[in-house]
Amino acid sequence: MNLLDLAPVIPVVVVEDAATAVPMARALVAGGLPVIEVTLRTPAALAAIRAIAERVPDAVVGAGTVRVSADVSAAVAAGARFLVSPGATAALVEAMAASGVPYLPGAATASEVLALYERGVREMKFFPAEAAGGVPVLKALAGPYPDVRFCPTGGIKPETAPNYLSLPNVGCVGGTWLTPSDALVQGDYARIEKLAGLARELR
């Protein structure tokens, strides 16, 4: 499984109520976005991952905001099929590499990319994308790292996503706009499905 090739946008989701996880995931899949990153930012996150993994077989659910090795083991035990971290330390990368599932460690600078490159990593999360310089930085990184591909995440919007997706070293982008908090609270899953469908057409 190559995460960067499954869909142009990976929804980056914050789940406050685990009861919303399954209908949300079904809406995203129906809209054409099967890869779902549930961030480990709330107490409901692991339960949400477990529910999606068990009840939405067409979804490829993973854990985001993975920061320490304990996050790795907890996420995989819950059923996460991939891991995403906002940054990378040697210990965290070692834990993710040993997990047996695909992972996207975070990098924002040429030195951070190089540290991961030395460990054999060729697919990374570029975060925080907009704050770190966005498209111009990714274009510059393509020179010394022509064989590295990125999933830029952070501040990307539907209007700017195509600028990233047009780059040869970008496989997909992470998007937080696909599951608005008000839509989740109101149970407006049709809106989420529509947003996913529009995102699916960005490339």
N, C-alpha and C. Protein backbone atom coordinates (compact mmCIF):
# COMPACT_ATOMS: atom_id res chain seq x y z
N MET A 1 0.84 -1.20 0.00
CA MET A 1 0.00 0.00 0.00
C MET A 1 0.87 1.25 0.00
N ASN A 2 0.66 2.13 -0.98
CA ASN A 2 1.37 3.39 -1.00
C ASN A 2 0.40 4.51 -0.69
N LEU A 3 0.53 5.07 0.50
CA LEU A 3 -0.42 6.08 0.97
C LEU A 3 -0.54 7.26 0.03
N LEU A 4 0.58 7.66 -0.55
CA LEU A 4 0.59 8.88 -1.34
C LEU A 4 -0.13 8.73 -2.67
N ASP A 5 -0.46 7.50 -3.04
CA ASP A 5 -1.08 7.27 -4.34
C ASP A 5 -2.56 6.88 -4.26
N LEU A 6 -3.11 6.78 -3.08
CA LEU A 6 -4.49 6.29 -2.93
C LEU A 6 -5.54 7.37 -3.21
N ALA A 7 -5.22 8.61 -2.91
CA ALA A 7 -6.16 9.71 -3.13
C ALA A 7 -5.39 11.01 -3.12
N PRO A 8 -5.90 12.04 -3.80
CA PRO A 8 -5.18 13.32 -3.84
C PRO A 8 -5.18 14.05 -2.49
N VAL A 9 -6.18 13.76 -1.66
CA VAL A 9 -6.28 14.43 -0.36
C VAL A 9 -6.51 13.39 0.73
N ILE A 10 -5.74 13.51 1.81
CA ILE A 10 -5.98 12.71 3.00
C ILE A 10 -6.70 13.60 4.01
N PRO A 11 -7.94 13.28 4.35
CA PRO A 11 -8.63 14.06 5.38
C PRO A 11 -7.91 13.95 6.72
N VAL A 12 -7.62 15.09 7.32
CA VAL A 12 -6.99 15.12 8.64
C VAL A 12 -8.09 15.49 9.63
N VAL A 13 -8.47 14.52 10.45
CA VAL A 13 -9.71 14.61 11.20
C VAL A 13 -9.45 14.70 12.71
N VAL A 14 -10.17 15.60 13.36
CA VAL A 14 -10.19 15.69 14.82
C VAL A 14 -11.56 15.18 15.28
N VAL A 15 -11.58 14.06 15.99
CA VAL A 15 -12.84 13.46 16.44
C VAL A 15 -13.04 13.75 17.92
N GLU A 16 -14.08 14.51 18.22
CA GLU A 16 -14.41 14.80 19.61
C GLU A 16 -15.34 13.75 20.20
N ASP A 17 -16.17 13.15 19.34
CA ASP A 17 -17.15 12.16 19.77
C ASP A 17 -17.00 10.92 18.90
N ALA A 18 -16.60 9.81 19.51
CA ALA A 18 -16.33 8.59 18.74
C ALA A 18 -17.57 8.10 17.99
N ALA A 19 -18.75 8.50 18.44
CA ALA A 19 -19.98 8.06 17.78
C ALA A 19 -20.09 8.63 16.36
N THR A 20 -19.38 9.69 16.07
CA THR A 20 -19.42 10.29 14.73
C THR A 20 -18.45 9.61 13.76
N ALA A 21 -17.57 8.77 14.28
CA ALA A 21 -16.45 8.27 13.46
C ALA A 21 -16.92 7.43 12.28
N VAL A 22 -17.81 6.48 12.52
CA VAL A 22 -18.22 5.57 11.46
C VAL A 22 -19.02 6.28 10.36
N PRO A 23 -20.06 7.05 10.68
CA PRO A 23 -20.76 7.75 9.60
C PRO A 23 -19.88 8.75 8.88
N MET A 24 -18.96 9.40 9.59
CA MET A 24 -18.03 10.32 8.95
C MET A 24 -17.14 9.57 7.96
N ALA A 25 -16.59 8.43 8.39
CA ALA A 25 -15.71 7.66 7.52
C ALA A 25 -16.47 7.15 6.30
N ARG A 26 -17.70 6.70 6.50
CA ARG A 26 -18.49 6.23 5.36
C ARG A 26 -18.76 7.35 4.37
N ALA A 27 -18.99 8.55 4.87
CA ALA A 27 -19.22 9.70 3.98
C ALA A 27 -17.96 10.04 3.18
N LEU A 28 -16.81 10.00 3.83
CA LEU A 28 -15.55 10.29 3.14
C LEU A 28 -15.26 9.25 2.06
N VAL A 29 -15.48 7.99 2.39
CA VAL A 29 -15.25 6.92 1.42
C VAL A 29 -16.22 7.05 0.25
N ALA A 30 -17.49 7.34 0.55
CA ALA A 30 -18.49 7.50 -0.51
C ALA A 30 -18.13 8.65 -1.44
N GLY A 31 -17.48 9.67 -0.88
CA GLY A 31 -17.06 10.81 -1.69
C GLY A 31 -15.80 10.58 -2.48
N GLY A 32 -15.13 9.45 -2.22
CA GLY A 32 -13.95 9.10 -2.99
C GLY A 32 -12.64 9.27 -2.28
N LEU A 33 -12.68 9.47 -0.96
CA LEU A 33 -11.44 9.62 -0.19
C LEU A 33 -11.35 8.50 0.84
N PRO A 34 -10.70 7.39 0.49
CA PRO A 34 -10.67 6.24 1.40
C PRO A 34 -9.65 6.34 2.52
N VAL A 35 -8.64 7.19 2.37
CA VAL A 35 -7.59 7.30 3.38
C VAL A 35 -7.99 8.37 4.40
N ILE A 36 -8.03 7.99 5.67
CA ILE A 36 -8.50 8.91 6.71
C ILE A 36 -7.49 8.94 7.86
N GLU A 37 -7.00 10.12 8.16
CA GLU A 37 -6.05 10.30 9.27
C GLU A 37 -6.79 10.87 10.47
N VAL A 38 -6.94 10.06 11.51
CA VAL A 38 -7.56 10.50 12.75
C VAL A 38 -6.45 10.97 13.68
N THR A 39 -6.46 12.24 14.03
CA THR A 39 -5.37 12.78 14.84
C THR A 39 -5.54 12.38 16.30
N LEU A 40 -4.43 12.08 16.94
CA LEU A 40 -4.45 11.69 18.36
C LEU A 40 -4.44 12.94 19.24
N ARG A 41 -5.45 13.78 19.03
CA ARG A 41 -5.52 15.05 19.76
C ARG A 41 -6.65 15.07 20.77
N THR A 42 -7.48 14.04 20.77
CA THR A 42 -8.64 14.02 21.67
C THR A 42 -8.72 12.65 22.35
N PRO A 43 -9.42 12.59 23.47
CA PRO A 43 -9.60 11.32 24.16
C PRO A 43 -10.38 10.30 23.32
N ALA A 44 -11.13 10.78 22.34
CA ALA A 44 -11.96 9.88 21.52
C ALA A 44 -11.21 9.28 20.34
N ALA A 45 -9.98 9.72 20.10
CA ALA A 45 -9.28 9.36 18.86
C ALA A 45 -9.09 7.85 18.69
N LEU A 46 -8.59 7.18 19.71
CA LEU A 46 -8.31 5.75 19.57
C LEU A 46 -9.60 4.94 19.38
N ALA A 47 -10.65 5.32 20.09
CA ALA A 47 -11.93 4.65 19.91
C ALA A 47 -12.46 4.88 18.50
N ALA A 48 -12.24 6.07 17.97
CA ALA A 48 -12.67 6.37 16.61
C ALA A 48 -11.92 5.51 15.60
N ILE A 49 -10.63 5.39 15.77
CA ILE A 49 -9.82 4.55 14.88
C ILE A 49 -10.32 3.11 14.94
N ARG A 50 -10.55 2.62 16.13
CA ARG A 50 -11.00 1.23 16.30
C ARG A 50 -12.35 1.02 15.62
N ALA A 51 -13.26 1.95 15.78
CA ALA A 51 -14.59 1.81 15.20
C ALA A 51 -14.52 1.82 13.67
N ILE A 52 -13.72 2.72 13.11
CA ILE A 52 -13.60 2.79 11.65
C ILE A 52 -12.95 1.52 11.12
N ALA A 53 -11.90 1.07 11.78
CA ALA A 53 -11.20 -0.13 11.35
C ALA A 53 -12.12 -1.35 11.34
N GLU A 54 -13.00 -1.42 12.33
CA GLU A 54 -13.87 -2.59 12.46
C GLU A 54 -15.11 -2.52 11.58
N ARG A 55 -15.60 -1.31 11.31
CA ARG A 55 -16.93 -1.19 10.71
C ARG A 55 -16.96 -0.53 9.33
N VAL A 56 -15.83 0.00 8.88
CA VAL A 56 -15.79 0.63 7.55
C VAL A 56 -14.65 -0.03 6.76
N PRO A 57 -14.89 -1.21 6.20
CA PRO A 57 -13.81 -1.98 5.58
C PRO A 57 -13.17 -1.29 4.37
N ASP A 58 -13.88 -0.40 3.72
CA ASP A 58 -13.31 0.28 2.55
C ASP A 58 -12.43 1.46 2.93
N ALA A 59 -12.40 1.81 4.20
CA ALA A 59 -11.57 2.92 4.66
C ALA A 59 -10.17 2.42 5.02
N VAL A 60 -9.18 3.24 4.74
CA VAL A 60 -7.81 3.00 5.20
C VAL A 60 -7.57 4.03 6.30
N VAL A 61 -7.78 3.61 7.54
CA VAL A 61 -7.71 4.55 8.65
C VAL A 61 -6.34 4.51 9.29
N GLY A 62 -5.84 5.69 9.63
CA GLY A 62 -4.54 5.78 10.27
C GLY A 62 -4.58 6.80 11.39
N ALA A 63 -3.47 6.92 12.09
CA ALA A 63 -3.35 7.84 13.22
C ALA A 63 -2.41 8.97 12.88
N GLY A 64 -2.84 10.19 13.16
CA GLY A 64 -1.99 11.36 13.01
C GLY A 64 -1.61 11.93 14.37
N THR A 65 -0.77 12.94 14.36
CA THR A 65 -0.25 13.54 15.59
C THR A 65 0.38 12.48 16.48
N VAL A 66 1.11 11.56 15.85
CA VAL A 66 1.87 10.55 16.58
C VAL A 66 3.16 11.21 17.06
N ARG A 67 3.36 11.26 18.37
CA ARG A 67 4.48 12.04 18.91
C ARG A 67 5.50 11.21 19.70
N VAL A 68 5.05 10.11 20.30
CA VAL A 68 5.96 9.27 21.11
C VAL A 68 5.70 7.81 20.77
N SER A 69 6.60 6.95 21.20
CA SER A 69 6.48 5.54 20.86
C SER A 69 5.20 4.92 21.42
N ALA A 70 4.73 5.42 22.56
CA ALA A 70 3.49 4.90 23.13
C ALA A 70 2.31 5.17 22.20
N ASP A 71 2.34 6.30 21.49
CA ASP A 71 1.29 6.59 20.50
C ASP A 71 1.29 5.54 19.39
N VAL A 72 2.49 5.14 18.99
CA VAL A 72 2.63 4.15 17.92
C VAL A 72 1.94 2.85 18.30
N SER A 73 2.28 2.33 19.46
CA SER A 73 1.73 1.04 19.87
C SER A 73 0.23 1.12 20.11
N ALA A 74 -0.23 2.22 20.70
CA ALA A 74 -1.66 2.37 20.97
C ALA A 74 -2.45 2.47 19.67
N ALA A 75 -1.92 3.21 18.71
CA ALA A 75 -2.62 3.40 17.44
C ALA A 75 -2.71 2.10 16.66
N VAL A 76 -1.61 1.36 16.60
CA VAL A 76 -1.60 0.09 15.86
C VAL A 76 -2.53 -0.91 16.54
N ALA A 77 -2.53 -0.92 17.86
CA ALA A 77 -3.42 -1.83 18.59
C ALA A 77 -4.89 -1.50 18.32
N ALA A 78 -5.18 -0.22 18.07
CA ALA A 78 -6.56 0.20 17.79
C ALA A 78 -6.97 -0.11 16.36
N GLY A 79 -6.00 -0.46 15.51
CA GLY A 79 -6.34 -0.80 14.13
C GLY A 79 -5.82 0.17 13.09
N ALA A 80 -4.98 1.12 13.50
CA ALA A 80 -4.43 2.07 12.53
C ALA A 80 -3.59 1.35 11.49
N ARG A 81 -3.82 1.69 10.23
CA ARG A 81 -3.09 1.05 9.13
C ARG A 81 -1.94 1.91 8.62
N PHE A 82 -1.79 3.11 9.17
CA PHE A 82 -0.64 3.94 8.88
C PHE A 82 -0.48 4.95 10.00
N LEU A 83 0.69 5.59 10.05
CA LEU A 83 1.02 6.54 11.11
C LEU A 83 1.57 7.82 10.50
N VAL A 84 1.22 8.95 11.09
CA VAL A 84 1.72 10.25 10.62
C VAL A 84 2.16 11.05 11.83
N SER A 85 3.36 11.61 11.76
CA SER A 85 3.86 12.42 12.87
C SER A 85 4.10 13.85 12.41
N PRO A 86 3.96 14.83 13.33
CA PRO A 86 4.19 16.23 12.96
C PRO A 86 5.67 16.56 12.81
N GLY A 87 6.52 15.78 13.41
CA GLY A 87 7.96 15.95 13.33
C GLY A 87 8.60 14.58 13.47
N ALA A 88 9.91 14.55 13.67
CA ALA A 88 10.57 13.25 13.76
C ALA A 88 11.79 13.32 14.67
N THR A 89 11.85 12.37 15.59
CA THR A 89 13.07 12.14 16.37
C THR A 89 13.55 10.74 16.03
N ALA A 90 14.78 10.44 16.37
CA ALA A 90 15.32 9.12 16.07
C ALA A 90 14.49 8.03 16.74
N ALA A 91 14.10 8.27 18.00
CA ALA A 91 13.34 7.26 18.74
C ALA A 91 11.96 7.05 18.12
N LEU A 92 11.31 8.13 17.73
CA LEU A 92 9.98 8.02 17.16
C LEU A 92 10.03 7.32 15.80
N VAL A 93 10.99 7.68 14.96
CA VAL A 93 11.11 7.04 13.65
C VAL A 93 11.41 5.56 13.81
N GLU A 94 12.24 5.22 14.78
CA GLU A 94 12.55 3.81 15.03
C GLU A 94 11.29 3.05 15.43
N ALA A 95 10.47 3.65 16.28
CA ALA A 95 9.24 3.00 16.72
C ALA A 95 8.26 2.85 15.56
N MET A 96 8.15 3.87 14.73
CA MET A 96 7.22 3.79 13.60
C MET A 96 7.71 2.76 12.59
N ALA A 97 9.01 2.72 12.36
CA ALA A 97 9.56 1.75 11.41
C ALA A 97 9.34 0.32 11.88
N ALA A 98 9.36 0.13 13.20
CA ALA A 98 9.19 -1.21 13.76
C ALA A 98 7.73 -1.62 13.87
N SER A 99 6.82 -0.70 13.59
CA SER A 99 5.39 -0.96 13.80
C SER A 99 4.80 -1.92 12.79
N GLY A 100 5.44 -2.00 11.62
CA GLY A 100 4.92 -2.87 10.58
C GLY A 100 3.89 -2.23 9.68
N VAL A 101 3.56 -0.96 9.91
CA VAL A 101 2.61 -0.25 9.05
C VAL A 101 3.32 0.93 8.39
N PRO A 102 2.83 1.41 7.24
CA PRO A 102 3.44 2.56 6.58
C PRO A 102 3.39 3.79 7.50
N TYR A 103 4.36 4.67 7.34
CA TYR A 103 4.39 5.87 8.18
C TYR A 103 4.94 7.06 7.40
N LEU A 104 4.46 8.23 7.79
CA LEU A 104 4.91 9.49 7.19
C LEU A 104 5.44 10.38 8.31
N PRO A 105 6.75 10.39 8.53
CA PRO A 105 7.31 11.27 9.55
C PRO A 105 7.35 12.71 9.04
N GLY A 106 7.18 13.64 9.96
CA GLY A 106 7.13 15.05 9.57
C GLY A 106 8.49 15.68 9.41
N ALA A 107 8.60 16.57 8.42
CA ALA A 107 9.83 17.33 8.18
C ALA A 107 9.44 18.69 7.62
N ALA A 108 10.21 19.71 7.98
CA ALA A 108 9.91 21.06 7.50
C ALA A 108 11.12 21.78 6.92
N THR A 109 12.31 21.20 7.10
CA THR A 109 13.53 21.85 6.62
C THR A 109 14.39 20.85 5.85
N ALA A 110 15.37 21.39 5.13
CA ALA A 110 16.28 20.52 4.37
C ALA A 110 17.05 19.59 5.30
N SER A 111 17.42 20.07 6.49
CA SER A 111 18.15 19.23 7.43
C SER A 111 17.28 18.12 7.99
N GLU A 112 16.01 18.43 8.24
CA GLU A 112 15.11 17.40 8.75
C GLU A 112 14.84 16.34 7.69
N VAL A 113 14.71 16.78 6.44
CA VAL A 113 14.55 15.82 5.34
C VAL A 113 15.79 14.94 5.24
N LEU A 114 16.96 15.54 5.38
CA LEU A 114 18.21 14.79 5.28
C LEU A 114 18.33 13.74 6.38
N ALA A 115 17.93 14.12 7.60
CA ALA A 115 18.01 13.17 8.71
C ALA A 115 17.14 11.94 8.44
N LEU A 116 15.96 12.16 7.87
CA LEU A 116 15.09 11.05 7.53
C LEU A 116 15.63 10.27 6.33
N TYR A 117 16.20 11.00 5.38
CA TYR A 117 16.77 10.38 4.19
C TYR A 117 17.88 9.40 4.57
N GLU A 118 18.69 9.80 5.55
CA GLU A 118 19.78 8.93 6.03
C GLU A 118 19.25 7.61 6.59
N ARG A 119 18.02 7.65 7.09
CA ARG A 119 17.41 6.44 7.66
C ARG A 119 16.66 5.63 6.61
N GLY A 120 16.72 6.08 5.35
CA GLY A 120 16.07 5.34 4.28
C GLY A 120 14.65 5.75 3.98
N VAL A 121 14.18 6.79 4.66
CA VAL A 121 12.81 7.26 4.44
C VAL A 121 12.76 8.09 3.15
N ARG A 122 11.79 7.78 2.30
CA ARG A 122 11.66 8.50 1.03
C ARG A 122 10.28 9.14 0.85
N GLU A 123 9.38 8.90 1.81
CA GLU A 123 8.07 9.54 1.78
C GLU A 123 7.82 10.17 3.14
N MET A 124 7.48 11.46 3.13
CA MET A 124 7.40 12.24 4.36
C MET A 124 6.20 13.17 4.34
N LYS A 125 5.85 13.62 5.53
CA LYS A 125 4.87 14.68 5.67
C LYS A 125 5.62 16.01 5.71
N PHE A 126 5.21 16.98 4.90
CA PHE A 126 5.80 18.31 4.96
C PHE A 126 4.87 19.17 5.80
N PHE A 127 5.34 19.52 7.01
CA PHE A 127 4.49 20.20 7.99
C PHE A 127 5.30 21.19 8.82
N PRO A 128 4.72 22.34 9.14
CA PRO A 128 3.44 22.88 8.68
C PRO A 128 3.60 23.53 7.31
N ALA A 129 2.91 23.03 6.33
CA ALA A 129 3.20 23.34 4.93
C ALA A 129 3.20 24.85 4.63
N GLU A 130 2.10 25.49 4.89
CA GLU A 130 2.02 26.92 4.54
C GLU A 130 2.99 27.75 5.38
N ALA A 131 3.02 27.50 6.67
CA ALA A 131 3.89 28.27 7.57
C ALA A 131 5.36 28.03 7.26
N ALA A 132 5.69 26.85 6.74
CA ALA A 132 7.10 26.51 6.46
C ALA A 132 7.56 26.98 5.07
N GLY A 133 6.69 27.61 4.32
CA GLY A 133 7.11 28.15 3.03
C GLY A 133 6.37 27.60 1.83
N GLY A 134 5.60 26.55 2.04
CA GLY A 134 4.70 26.07 1.00
C GLY A 134 5.36 25.59 -0.28
N VAL A 135 4.69 25.89 -1.38
CA VAL A 135 5.11 25.41 -2.70
C VAL A 135 6.55 25.77 -3.05
N PRO A 136 7.01 27.02 -2.82
CA PRO A 136 8.40 27.35 -3.18
C PRO A 136 9.43 26.47 -2.46
N VAL A 137 9.18 26.14 -1.21
CA VAL A 137 10.12 25.30 -0.47
C VAL A 137 10.13 23.89 -1.04
N LEU A 138 8.96 23.35 -1.37
CA LEU A 138 8.91 22.00 -1.94
C LEU A 138 9.61 21.96 -3.30
N LYS A 139 9.46 23.02 -4.08
CA LYS A 139 10.18 23.09 -5.36
C LYS A 139 11.68 23.07 -5.12
N ALA A 140 12.12 23.81 -4.11
CA ALA A 140 13.56 23.87 -3.80
C ALA A 140 14.07 22.52 -3.30
N LEU A 141 13.29 21.82 -2.50
CA LEU A 141 13.71 20.53 -1.96
C LEU A 141 13.82 19.47 -3.04
N ALA A 142 13.10 19.66 -4.15
CA ALA A 142 13.14 18.67 -5.23
C ALA A 142 14.53 18.59 -5.86
N GLY A 143 15.32 19.66 -5.75
CA GLY A 143 16.67 19.65 -6.32
C GLY A 143 17.58 18.65 -5.66
N PRO A 144 17.86 18.81 -4.36
CA PRO A 144 18.77 17.87 -3.69
C PRO A 144 18.12 16.54 -3.34
N TYR A 145 16.78 16.49 -3.35
CA TYR A 145 16.08 15.26 -2.97
C TYR A 145 15.08 14.85 -4.06
N PRO A 146 15.56 14.52 -5.25
CA PRO A 146 14.64 14.21 -6.35
C PRO A 146 13.84 12.93 -6.14
N ASP A 147 14.28 12.08 -5.23
CA ASP A 147 13.59 10.80 -5.01
C ASP A 147 12.76 10.80 -3.73
N VAL A 148 12.53 11.97 -3.16
CA VAL A 148 11.68 12.08 -1.97
C VAL A 148 10.33 12.66 -2.37
N ARG A 149 9.27 12.04 -1.84
CA ARG A 149 7.92 12.57 -2.09
C ARG A 149 7.28 12.98 -0.77
N PHE A 150 6.38 13.94 -0.86
CA PHE A 150 5.80 14.54 0.34
C PHE A 150 4.28 14.53 0.31
N CYS A 151 3.73 14.56 1.52
CA CYS A 151 2.32 14.88 1.74
C CYS A 151 2.29 16.17 2.55
N PRO A 152 2.19 17.33 1.88
CA PRO A 152 2.14 18.60 2.61
C PRO A 152 0.83 18.70 3.39
N THR A 153 0.93 19.18 4.62
CA THR A 153 -0.23 19.34 5.49
C THR A 153 -0.03 20.57 6.35
N GLY A 154 -1.11 21.29 6.58
CA GLY A 154 -1.03 22.46 7.45
C GLY A 154 -1.33 23.74 6.71
N GLY A 155 -2.54 24.25 6.86
CA GLY A 155 -2.93 25.50 6.23
C GLY A 155 -3.34 25.40 4.78
N ILE A 156 -3.41 24.19 4.24
CA ILE A 156 -3.79 24.01 2.84
C ILE A 156 -5.31 24.05 2.71
N LYS A 157 -5.77 24.74 1.68
CA LYS A 157 -7.20 24.91 1.44
C LYS A 157 -7.54 24.35 0.05
N PRO A 158 -8.82 24.18 -0.24
CA PRO A 158 -9.20 23.68 -1.57
C PRO A 158 -8.66 24.55 -2.70
N GLU A 159 -8.54 25.86 -2.43
CA GLU A 159 -8.06 26.78 -3.46
C GLU A 159 -6.56 26.64 -3.72
N THR A 160 -5.81 26.24 -2.70
CA THR A 160 -4.35 26.16 -2.85
C THR A 160 -3.87 24.73 -3.07
N ALA A 161 -4.70 23.74 -2.78
CA ALA A 161 -4.29 22.35 -2.93
C ALA A 161 -3.77 22.01 -4.33
N PRO A 162 -4.43 22.49 -5.42
CA PRO A 162 -3.92 22.15 -6.75
C PRO A 162 -2.50 22.64 -7.01
N ASN A 163 -2.10 23.74 -6.36
CA ASN A 163 -0.73 24.24 -6.53
C ASN A 163 0.28 23.22 -6.00
N TYR A 164 -0.08 22.57 -4.90
CA TYR A 164 0.78 21.53 -4.34
C TYR A 164 0.73 20.26 -5.18
N LEU A 165 -0.47 19.86 -5.55
CA LEU A 165 -0.65 18.60 -6.27
C LEU A 165 -0.01 18.61 -7.65
N SER A 166 0.28 19.80 -8.16
CA SER A 166 0.92 19.89 -9.48
C SER A 166 2.42 19.62 -9.42
N LEU A 167 2.98 19.58 -8.21
CA LEU A 167 4.41 19.36 -8.05
C LEU A 167 4.75 17.88 -8.18
N PRO A 168 5.82 17.54 -8.89
CA PRO A 168 6.17 16.12 -9.07
C PRO A 168 6.57 15.41 -7.78
N ASN A 169 7.00 16.17 -6.77
CA ASN A 169 7.42 15.53 -5.51
C ASN A 169 6.32 15.54 -4.46
N VAL A 170 5.09 15.84 -4.89
CA VAL A 170 3.95 15.79 -3.97
C VAL A 170 3.01 14.68 -4.43
N GLY A 171 2.77 13.72 -3.53
CA GLY A 171 1.87 12.63 -3.87
C GLY A 171 0.42 12.94 -3.53
N CYS A 172 0.23 13.63 -2.40
CA CYS A 172 -1.10 14.02 -1.97
C CYS A 172 -0.94 15.14 -0.95
N VAL A 173 -2.05 15.72 -0.52
CA VAL A 173 -2.00 16.74 0.53
C VAL A 173 -2.90 16.30 1.67
N GLY A 174 -2.62 16.82 2.86
CA GLY A 174 -3.50 16.60 4.00
C GLY A 174 -4.44 17.77 4.12
N GLY A 175 -5.72 17.49 4.36
CA GLY A 175 -6.71 18.56 4.42
C GLY A 175 -7.59 18.48 5.65
N THR A 176 -7.71 19.60 6.34
CA THR A 176 -8.56 19.65 7.53
C THR A 176 -9.95 20.19 7.21
N TRP A 177 -10.17 20.62 5.97
CA TRP A 177 -11.44 21.27 5.64
C TRP A 177 -12.56 20.28 5.33
N LEU A 178 -12.25 18.99 5.28
CA LEU A 178 -13.22 18.01 4.80
C LEU A 178 -14.23 17.58 5.84
N THR A 179 -13.93 17.77 7.10
CA THR A 179 -14.85 17.37 8.17
C THR A 179 -15.04 18.54 9.12
N PRO A 180 -15.75 19.58 8.69
CA PRO A 180 -15.97 20.74 9.56
C PRO A 180 -16.63 20.33 10.87
N SER A 181 -16.20 20.95 11.95
CA SER A 181 -16.71 20.57 13.27
C SER A 181 -18.22 20.74 13.36
N ASP A 182 -18.76 21.78 12.71
CA ASP A 182 -20.21 21.98 12.79
C ASP A 182 -20.96 20.88 12.03
N ALA A 183 -20.36 20.38 10.96
CA ALA A 183 -21.00 19.29 10.22
C ALA A 183 -21.03 18.02 11.06
N LEU A 184 -19.97 17.77 11.80
CA LEU A 184 -19.93 16.59 12.67
C LEU A 184 -20.94 16.71 13.81
N VAL A 185 -21.01 17.90 14.40
CA VAL A 185 -21.94 18.11 15.51
C VAL A 185 -23.38 17.95 15.04
N GLN A 186 -23.66 18.46 13.84
CA GLN A 186 -25.03 18.43 13.31
C GLN A 186 -25.36 17.11 12.60
N GLY A 187 -24.36 16.25 12.43
CA GLY A 187 -24.60 15.01 11.72
C GLY A 187 -24.84 15.22 10.24
N ASP A 188 -24.25 16.27 9.69
CA ASP A 188 -24.46 16.59 8.27
C ASP A 188 -23.43 15.84 7.43
N TYR A 189 -23.61 14.53 7.31
CA TYR A 189 -22.64 13.70 6.61
C TYR A 189 -22.75 13.85 5.10
N ALA A 190 -23.91 14.31 4.62
CA ALA A 190 -24.05 14.58 3.19
C ALA A 190 -23.10 15.71 2.78
N ARG A 191 -22.95 16.68 3.65
CA ARG A 191 -22.01 17.79 3.37
C ARG A 191 -20.59 17.28 3.32
N ILE A 192 -20.24 16.39 4.24
CA ILE A 192 -18.89 15.82 4.26
C ILE A 192 -18.65 15.01 2.99
N GLU A 193 -19.64 14.23 2.57
CA GLU A 193 -19.49 13.45 1.33
C GLU A 193 -19.29 14.38 0.14
N LYS A 194 -20.03 15.49 0.12
CA LYS A 194 -19.89 16.44 -0.99
C LYS A 194 -18.49 17.07 -1.00
N LEU A 195 -18.01 17.46 0.18
CA LEU A 195 -16.66 18.04 0.27
C LEU A 195 -15.61 17.03 -0.19
N ALA A 196 -15.80 15.77 0.17
CA ALA A 196 -14.86 14.73 -0.25
C ALA A 196 -14.88 14.57 -1.76
N GLY A 197 -16.08 14.59 -2.34
CA GLY A 197 -16.19 14.46 -3.79
C GLY A 197 -15.49 15.59 -4.53
N LEU A 198 -15.63 16.80 -4.00
CA LEU A 198 -14.95 17.95 -4.62
C LEU A 198 -13.43 17.81 -4.48
N ALA A 199 -12.98 17.34 -3.32
CA ALA A 199 -11.55 17.16 -3.10
C ALA A 199 -10.98 16.08 -4.01
N ARG A 200 -11.78 15.06 -4.26
CA ARG A 200 -11.33 13.96 -5.12
C ARG A 200 -11.01 14.46 -6.52
N GLU A 201 -11.67 15.55 -6.93
CA GLU A 201 -11.48 16.08 -8.29
C GLU A 201 -10.36 17.11 -8.38
N LEU A 202 -9.66 17.36 -7.28
CA LEU A 202 -8.61 18.40 -7.30
C LEU A 202 -7.42 18.00 -8.15
N ARG A 203 -7.29 16.69 -8.43
CA ARG A 203 -6.22 16.27 -9.33
C ARG A 203 -6.79 15.32 -10.36
